[in-house]
Amino acid sequence: MGFSRKRIGRNGELRYTAYYTDIKRRERSAGTFSTKKEADRAWQRAEVKVSEGRITSTRHGKQRFVDYVTGTWLPNHVMEPSTRQNVT
């Protein structure tokens, strides 16, 4: 059974974090929201996905840092040609 927890953000604003239980019975966050109603909807949606088998490990889909740097960041990062030559 999921739930939402009230918390106060760094700026003093009231926020709600939604929690659900995954397949391995671990407590996971479904996100942080500005209203309790939104948070409740989020954990309910997450639990439906778990029951349907659509949520597996949160590690799936994560990208390694080196892959991000070489494939995305470095090609789009603006730097002098001589610097780029020394970096790569």
Protein backbone atom coordinates (compact mmCIF):
# COMPACT_ATOMS: atom_id res chain seq x y z
CA MET A 1 0.00 0.00 0.00
CA GLY A 2 1.39 3.36 -0.99
CA PHE A 3 1.24 6.63 0.87
CA SER A 4 2.27 10.26 0.65
CA ARG A 5 4.48 12.04 3.15
CA LYS A 6 4.34 15.77 3.89
CA ARG A 7 7.68 17.57 3.84
CA ILE A 8 8.96 21.12 3.79
CA GLY A 9 11.27 22.09 0.94
CA ARG A 10 14.41 24.20 1.19
CA ASN A 11 12.45 27.34 0.42
CA GLY A 12 9.93 26.57 3.18
CA GLU A 13 7.27 25.44 0.70
CA LEU A 14 5.05 22.51 1.67
CA ARG A 15 5.55 19.48 -0.62
CA TYR A 16 4.29 15.88 -0.69
CA THR A 17 6.39 12.88 -1.65
CA ALA A 18 4.59 9.80 -2.99
CA TYR A 19 5.84 6.34 -1.97
CA TYR A 20 4.90 2.89 -3.23
CA THR A 21 6.14 -0.67 -2.69
CA ASP A 22 7.96 -2.31 -5.59
CA ILE A 23 8.02 -5.98 -6.62
CA LYS A 24 10.80 -6.74 -4.13
CA ARG A 25 8.79 -5.12 -1.30
CA ARG A 26 11.08 -2.09 -1.16
CA GLU A 27 9.75 1.39 -0.57
CA ARG A 28 10.28 3.60 -3.63
CA SER A 29 9.52 7.24 -4.37
CA ALA A 30 7.09 8.07 -7.15
CA GLY A 31 8.05 11.75 -7.08
CA THR A 32 7.44 14.93 -5.12
CA PHE A 33 4.37 17.09 -5.72
CA SER A 34 2.86 20.37 -4.59
CA THR A 35 -0.45 18.86 -3.46
CA LYS A 36 -1.39 15.75 -1.51
CA LYS A 37 -3.93 14.86 -4.18
CA GLU A 38 -1.24 14.76 -6.89
CA ALA A 39 1.04 12.67 -4.66
CA ASP A 40 -1.76 10.21 -3.90
CA ARG A 41 -2.49 9.82 -7.60
CA ALA A 42 1.20 9.21 -8.31
CA TRP A 43 1.64 6.38 -5.81
CA GLN A 44 -1.64 4.83 -6.93
CA ARG A 45 -0.49 4.89 -10.57
CA ALA A 46 2.86 3.41 -9.58
CA GLU A 47 1.18 0.58 -7.68
CA VAL A 48 -1.04 -0.20 -10.67
CA LYS A 49 2.07 -0.43 -12.86
CA VAL A 50 3.72 -2.74 -10.32
CA SER A 51 0.66 -4.99 -10.21
CA GLU A 52 0.62 -5.12 -14.02
CA GLY A 53 4.33 -5.93 -14.04
CA ARG A 54 5.24 -2.76 -15.91
CA ILE A 55 7.63 -1.38 -13.27
CA THR A 56 10.73 -3.46 -12.79
CA SER A 57 14.06 -2.25 -11.53
CA THR A 58 14.71 1.48 -11.38
CA ARG A 59 18.23 0.75 -12.62
CA HIS A 60 16.96 -0.23 -16.07
CA GLY A 61 17.34 2.62 -18.49
CA LYS A 62 20.07 4.36 -16.54
CA GLN A 63 23.10 5.34 -18.52
CA ARG A 64 26.74 5.05 -17.50
CA PHE A 65 28.55 8.34 -16.93
CA VAL A 66 31.27 7.61 -19.49
CA ASP A 67 28.64 6.85 -22.14
CA TYR A 68 26.88 10.16 -21.43
CA VAL A 69 30.11 12.18 -21.56
CA THR A 70 31.48 10.64 -24.75
CA GLY A 71 28.16 10.31 -26.56
CA THR A 72 26.20 13.41 -25.53
CA TRP A 73 28.09 15.99 -23.50
CA LEU A 74 31.48 16.12 -25.23
CA PRO A 75 30.20 16.38 -28.83
CA ASN A 76 27.91 19.27 -27.83
CA HIS A 77 30.27 21.08 -25.46
CA VAL A 78 31.77 24.28 -26.87
CA MET A 79 35.55 24.46 -26.45
CA GLU A 80 38.66 25.49 -28.35
CA PRO A 81 39.89 22.94 -30.91
CA SER A 82 43.24 22.60 -29.12
CA THR A 83 41.47 21.85 -25.84
CA ARG A 84 39.21 19.30 -27.51
CA GLN A 85 42.28 17.61 -28.98
CA ASN A 86 43.88 17.35 -25.52
CA VAL A 87 40.67 16.03 -23.91
CA THR A 88 40.01 13.32 -26.47
